[in-house]
Amino acid sequence: MIELVSAERCTGCNICVRICPMNVFDPVPGAAPIIARNDDCQTCFMCELYCPVDALYVSPDSGAAQPVDERDLTDMGLLGSYRAAIGWIRPTQTRRTSDLSYRLLPPP
Protein backbone atom coordinates (compact mmCIF):
# COMPACT_ATOMS: atom_id res chain seq x y z
CA MET A 1 0.00 0.00 0.00
CA ILE A 2 1.26 3.49 -0.80
CA GLU A 3 2.67 4.99 2.39
CA LEU A 4 4.71 8.05 1.46
CA VAL A 5 5.06 10.83 -1.07
CA SER A 6 8.19 12.71 -0.08
CA ALA A 7 7.57 16.44 -0.36
CA GLU A 8 11.32 16.91 -0.05
CA ARG A 9 12.21 14.71 -3.04
CA CYS A 10 9.14 15.18 -5.23
CA THR A 11 9.53 17.45 -8.26
CA GLY A 12 5.80 17.72 -8.96
CA CYS A 13 6.03 15.88 -12.29
CA ASN A 14 2.76 14.03 -11.49
CA ILE A 15 3.87 10.86 -13.25
CA CYS A 16 2.50 8.91 -10.27
CA VAL A 17 -0.87 10.61 -10.69
CA ARG A 18 -1.01 9.61 -14.36
CA ILE A 19 0.38 6.08 -13.99
CA CYS A 20 -1.72 4.90 -11.03
CA PRO A 21 -4.38 2.47 -12.33
CA MET A 22 -6.54 3.04 -9.25
CA ASN A 23 -6.45 6.87 -9.24
CA VAL A 24 -5.03 6.97 -5.71
CA PHE A 25 -3.33 10.38 -6.02
CA ASP A 26 -4.64 13.90 -6.45
CA PRO A 27 -2.33 16.48 -8.03
CA VAL A 28 -1.52 19.63 -6.10
CA PRO A 29 -0.40 22.60 -8.23
CA GLY A 30 3.16 23.53 -7.32
CA ALA A 31 3.56 20.75 -4.75
CA ALA A 32 3.80 17.00 -4.30
CA PRO A 33 0.61 15.07 -5.06
CA ILE A 34 -1.39 13.82 -2.12
CA ILE A 35 -2.47 10.27 -1.38
CA ALA A 36 -6.21 10.89 -1.62
CA ARG A 37 -7.58 7.35 -1.78
CA ASN A 38 -5.14 5.16 0.12
CA ASP A 39 -7.66 2.34 0.54
CA ASP A 40 -7.90 2.02 -3.25
CA CYS A 41 -4.17 1.24 -3.57
CA GLN A 42 -3.63 -2.25 -4.99
CA THR A 43 0.09 -2.35 -4.09
CA CYS A 44 1.06 -2.67 -7.76
CA PHE A 45 4.21 -0.54 -7.25
CA MET A 46 3.69 1.28 -10.56
CA CYS A 47 3.96 4.72 -8.94
CA GLU A 48 7.17 3.80 -7.14
CA LEU A 49 8.58 2.24 -10.29
CA TYR A 50 7.93 5.25 -12.51
CA CYS A 51 8.98 7.95 -10.01
CA PRO A 52 12.20 9.39 -11.47
CA VAL A 53 13.39 10.80 -8.13
CA ASP A 54 12.44 7.96 -5.76
CA ALA A 55 9.99 10.12 -3.84
CA LEU A 56 7.46 7.34 -3.20
CA TYR A 57 7.32 4.37 -0.87
CA VAL A 58 4.91 1.51 -1.35
CA SER A 59 4.84 -0.99 1.47
CA PRO A 60 4.78 -4.60 0.31
CA ASP A 61 2.16 -5.20 3.02
CA SER A 62 -1.11 -4.50 1.25
CA GLY A 63 -3.02 -4.38 4.54
CA ALA A 64 -3.95 -1.27 6.48
CA ALA A 65 -1.74 1.80 6.13
CA GLN A 66 1.17 1.92 8.55
CA PRO A 67 2.86 5.10 9.74
CA VAL A 68 6.31 5.45 8.20
CA ASP A 69 9.18 7.82 8.82
CA GLU A 70 10.91 9.18 5.73
CA ARG A 71 14.28 9.38 7.46
CA ASP A 72 14.04 5.71 8.51
CA LEU A 73 13.10 4.69 4.96
CA THR A 74 16.05 6.65 3.60
CA ASP A 75 18.46 5.22 6.18
CA MET A 76 17.31 1.68 5.34
CA GLY A 77 17.75 2.36 1.62
CA LEU A 78 14.11 1.66 0.84
CA LEU A 79 13.34 4.75 -1.25
CA GLY A 80 14.11 3.65 -4.79
CA SER A 81 14.87 0.08 -3.79
CA TYR A 82 12.10 -1.42 -5.93
CA ARG A 83 13.37 0.31 -9.08
CA ALA A 84 16.89 -0.88 -8.25
CA ALA A 85 15.77 -4.45 -7.55
CA ILE A 86 14.17 -4.85 -10.96
CA GLY A 87 16.91 -3.05 -12.87
CA TRP A 88 15.26 0.26 -13.78
CA ILE A 89 18.20 2.35 -12.60
CA ARG A 90 21.63 2.39 -14.20
CA PRO A 91 23.70 0.58 -11.54
CA THR A 92 21.35 -2.44 -11.67
CA GLN A 93 20.44 -2.60 -15.36
CA THR A 94 22.61 -5.67 -15.86
CA ARG A 95 20.12 -7.64 -13.78
CA ARG A 96 17.67 -7.39 -16.68
CA THR A 97 19.68 -9.89 -18.69
CA SER A 98 18.87 -12.60 -16.15
CA ASP A 99 15.12 -11.89 -16.33
CA LEU A 100 13.60 -14.61 -18.47
CA SER A 101 9.98 -13.78 -17.71
CA TYR A 102 9.49 -12.76 -21.33
CA ARG A 103 9.54 -16.48 -22.13
CA LEU A 104 6.18 -16.92 -20.41
CA LEU A 105 4.35 -15.66 -23.48
CA PRO A 106 4.71 -16.83 -27.06
CA PRO A 107 6.27 -14.34 -29.50
CA PRO A 108 3.77 -12.00 -31.15
C-alpha atoms as a PDB file:
ATOM      1  CA  MET A   1       0.000   0.000   0.000  1.00  0.00           C
ATOM      2  CA  ILE A   2       1.258   3.492  -0.798  1.00  0.00           C
ATOM      3  CA  GLU A   3       2.670   4.986   2.386  1.00  0.00           C
ATOM      4  CA  LEU A   4       4.706   8.046   1.456  1.00  0.00           C
ATOM      5  CA  VAL A   5       5.057  10.833  -1.067  1.00  0.00           C
ATOM      6  CA  SER A   6       8.193  12.710  -0.082  1.00  0.00           C
ATOM      7  CA  ALA A   7       7.567  16.441  -0.362  1.00  0.00           C
ATOM      8  CA  GLU A   8      11.324  16.906  -0.049  1.00  0.00           C
ATOM      9  CA  ARG A   9      12.213  14.713  -3.039  1.00  0.00           C
ATOM     10  CA  CYS A  10       9.135  15.180  -5.233  1.00  0.00           C
ATOM     11  CA  THR A  11       9.531  17.451  -8.261  1.00  0.00           C
ATOM     12  CA  GLY A  12       5.799  17.719  -8.957  1.00  0.00           C
ATOM     13  CA  CYS A  13       6.031  15.885 -12.288  1.00  0.00           C
ATOM     14  CA  ASN A  14       2.764  14.030 -11.494  1.00  0.00           C
ATOM     15  CA  ILE A  15       3.869  10.857 -13.247  1.00  0.00           C
ATOM     16  CA  CYS A  16       2.505   8.911 -10.272  1.00  0.00           C
ATOM     17  CA  VAL A  17      -0.872  10.612 -10.689  1.00  0.00           C
ATOM     18  CA  ARG A  18      -1.013   9.612 -14.361  1.00  0.00           C
ATOM     19  CA  ILE A  19       0.381   6.080 -13.990  1.00  0.00           C
ATOM     20  CA  CYS A  20      -1.722   4.900 -11.027  1.00  0.00           C
ATOM     21  CA  PRO A  21      -4.375   2.468 -12.327  1.00  0.00           C
ATOM     22  CA  MET A  22      -6.541   3.041  -9.248  1.00  0.00           C
ATOM     23  CA  ASN A  23      -6.445   6.872  -9.241  1.00  0.00           C
ATOM     24  CA  VAL A  24      -5.033   6.970  -5.715  1.00  0.00           C
ATOM     25  CA  PHE A  25      -3.332  10.383  -6.017  1.00  0.00           C
ATOM     26  CA  ASP A  26      -4.641  13.902  -6.450  1.00  0.00           C
ATOM     27  CA  PRO A  27      -2.335  16.480  -8.034  1.00  0.00           C
ATOM     28  CA  VAL A  28      -1.521  19.631  -6.104  1.00  0.00           C
ATOM     29  CA  PRO A  29      -0.402  22.599  -8.230  1.00  0.00           C
ATOM     30  CA  GLY A  30       3.165  23.528  -7.324  1.00  0.00           C
ATOM     31  CA  ALA A  31       3.559  20.751  -4.749  1.00  0.00           C
ATOM     32  CA  ALA A  32       3.800  17.001  -4.298  1.00  0.00           C
ATOM     33  CA  PRO A  33       0.609  15.070  -5.060  1.00  0.00           C
ATOM     34  CA  ILE A  34      -1.388  13.816  -2.120  1.00  0.00           C
ATOM     35  CA  ILE A  35      -2.468  10.273  -1.382  1.00  0.00           C
ATOM     36  CA  ALA A  36      -6.211  10.887  -1.618  1.00  0.00           C
ATOM     37  CA  ARG A  37      -7.584   7.349  -1.781  1.00  0.00           C
ATOM     38  CA  ASN A  38      -5.135   5.163   0.122  1.00  0.00           C
ATOM     39  CA  ASP A  39      -7.659   2.340   0.544  1.00  0.00           C
ATOM     40  CA  ASP A  40      -7.900   2.024  -3.249  1.00  0.00           C
ATOM     41  CA  CYS A  41      -4.173   1.238  -3.573  1.00  0.00           C
ATOM     42  CA  GLN A  42      -3.628  -2.252  -4.988  1.00  0.00           C
ATOM     43  CA  THR A  43       0.087  -2.348  -4.092  1.00  0.00           C
ATOM     44  CA  CYS A  44       1.058  -2.668  -7.764  1.00  0.00           C
ATOM     45  CA  PHE A  45       4.215  -0.538  -7.247  1.00  0.00           C
ATOM     46  CA  MET A  46       3.693   1.284 -10.564  1.00  0.00           C
ATOM     47  CA  CYS A  47       3.957   4.716  -8.940  1.00  0.00           C
ATOM     48  CA  GLU A  48       7.169   3.804  -7.144  1.00  0.00           C
ATOM     49  CA  LEU A  49       8.581   2.238 -10.286  1.00  0.00           C
ATOM     50  CA  TYR A  50       7.934   5.254 -12.510  1.00  0.00           C
ATOM     51  CA  CYS A  51       8.975   7.950 -10.013  1.00  0.00           C
ATOM     52  CA  PRO A  52      12.197   9.392 -11.470  1.00  0.00           C
ATOM     53  CA  VAL A  53      13.390  10.795  -8.128  1.00  0.00           C
ATOM     54  CA  ASP A  54      12.441   7.955  -5.756  1.00  0.00           C
ATOM     55  CA  ALA A  55       9.989  10.121  -3.841  1.00  0.00           C
ATOM     56  CA  LEU A  56       7.462   7.337  -3.200  1.00  0.00           C
ATOM     57  CA  TYR A  57       7.323   4.372  -0.870  1.00  0.00           C
ATOM     58  CA  VAL A  58       4.908   1.507  -1.354  1.00  0.00           C
ATOM     59  CA  SER A  59       4.844  -0.993   1.472  1.00  0.00           C
ATOM     60  CA  PRO A  60       4.779  -4.603   0.307  1.00  0.00           C
ATOM     61  CA  ASP A  61       2.163  -5.201   3.021  1.00  0.00           C
ATOM     62  CA  SER A  62      -1.114  -4.499   1.250  1.00  0.00           C
ATOM     63  CA  GLY A  63      -3.020  -4.376   4.543  1.00  0.00           C
ATOM     64  CA  ALA A  64      -3.949  -1.269   6.478  1.00  0.00           C
ATOM     65  CA  ALA A  65      -1.737   1.797   6.135  1.00  0.00           C
ATOM     66  CA  GLN A  66       1.174   1.925   8.551  1.00  0.00           C
ATOM     67  CA  PRO A  67       2.860   5.097   9.744  1.00  0.00           C
ATOM     68  CA  VAL A  68       6.312   5.447   8.196  1.00  0.00           C
ATOM     69  CA  ASP A  69       9.177   7.819   8.825  1.00  0.00           C
ATOM     70  CA  GLU A  70      10.909   9.176   5.730  1.00  0.00           C
ATOM     71  CA  ARG A  71      14.278   9.382   7.459  1.00  0.00           C
ATOM     72  CA  ASP A  72      14.039   5.713   8.511  1.00  0.00           C
ATOM     73  CA  LEU A  73      13.097   4.687   4.960  1.00  0.00           C
ATOM     74  CA  THR A  74      16.055   6.651   3.600  1.00  0.00           C
ATOM     75  CA  ASP A  75      18.464   5.216   6.175  1.00  0.00           C
ATOM     76  CA  MET A  76      17.311   1.678   5.338  1.00  0.00           C
ATOM     77  CA  GLY A  77      17.749   2.362   1.622  1.00  0.00           C
ATOM     78  CA  LEU A  78      14.107   1.660   0.836  1.00  0.00           C
ATOM     79  CA  LEU A  79      13.342   4.750  -1.250  1.00  0.00           C
ATOM     80  CA  GLY A  80      14.105   3.653  -4.788  1.00  0.00           C
ATOM     81  CA  SER A  81      14.873   0.079  -3.786  1.00  0.00           C
ATOM     82  CA  TYR A  82      12.097  -1.417  -5.928  1.00  0.00           C
ATOM     83  CA  ARG A  83      13.375   0.305  -9.080  1.00  0.00           C
ATOM     84  CA  ALA A  84      16.889  -0.879  -8.246  1.00  0.00           C
ATOM     85  CA  ALA A  85      15.770  -4.445  -7.549  1.00  0.00           C
ATOM     86  CA  ILE A  86      14.168  -4.847 -10.960  1.00  0.00           C
ATOM     87  CA  GLY A  87      16.907  -3.049 -12.866  1.00  0.00           C
ATOM     88  CA  TRP A  88      15.257   0.258 -13.781  1.00  0.00           C
ATOM     89  CA  ILE A  89      18.199   2.347 -12.597  1.00  0.00           C
ATOM     90  CA  ARG A  90      21.626   2.386 -14.204  1.00  0.00           C
ATOM     91  CA  PRO A  91      23.703   0.584 -11.539  1.00  0.00           C
ATOM     92  CA  THR A  92      21.353  -2.437 -11.674  1.00  0.00           C
ATOM     93  CA  GLN A  93      20.443  -2.598 -15.359  1.00  0.00           C
ATOM     94  CA  THR A  94      22.614  -5.670 -15.862  1.00  0.00           C
ATOM     95  CA  ARG A  95      20.116  -7.642 -13.781  1.00  0.00           C
ATOM     96  CA  ARG A  96      17.669  -7.387 -16.677  1.00  0.00           C
ATOM     97  CA  THR A  97      19.679  -9.890 -18.686  1.00  0.00           C
ATOM     98  CA  SER A  98      18.866 -12.603 -16.153  1.00  0.00           C
ATOM     99  CA  ASP A  99      15.119 -11.889 -16.330  1.00  0.00           C
ATOM    100  CA  LEU A 100      13.597 -14.606 -18.474  1.00  0.00           C
ATOM    101  CA  SER A 101       9.977 -13.777 -17.710  1.00  0.00           C
ATOM    102  CA  TYR A 102       9.492 -12.762 -21.333  1.00  0.00           C
ATOM    103  CA  ARG A 103       9.538 -16.484 -22.132  1.00  0.00           C
ATOM    104  CA  LEU A 104       6.180 -16.918 -20.408  1.00  0.00           C
ATOM    105  CA  LEU A 105       4.353 -15.662 -23.484  1.00  0.00           C
ATOM    106  CA  PRO A 106       4.712 -16.831 -27.061  1.00  0.00           C
ATOM    107  CA  PRO A 107       6.271 -14.342 -29.500  1.00  0.00           C
ATOM    108  CA  PRO A 108       3.770 -11.997 -31.154  1.00  0.00           C
END
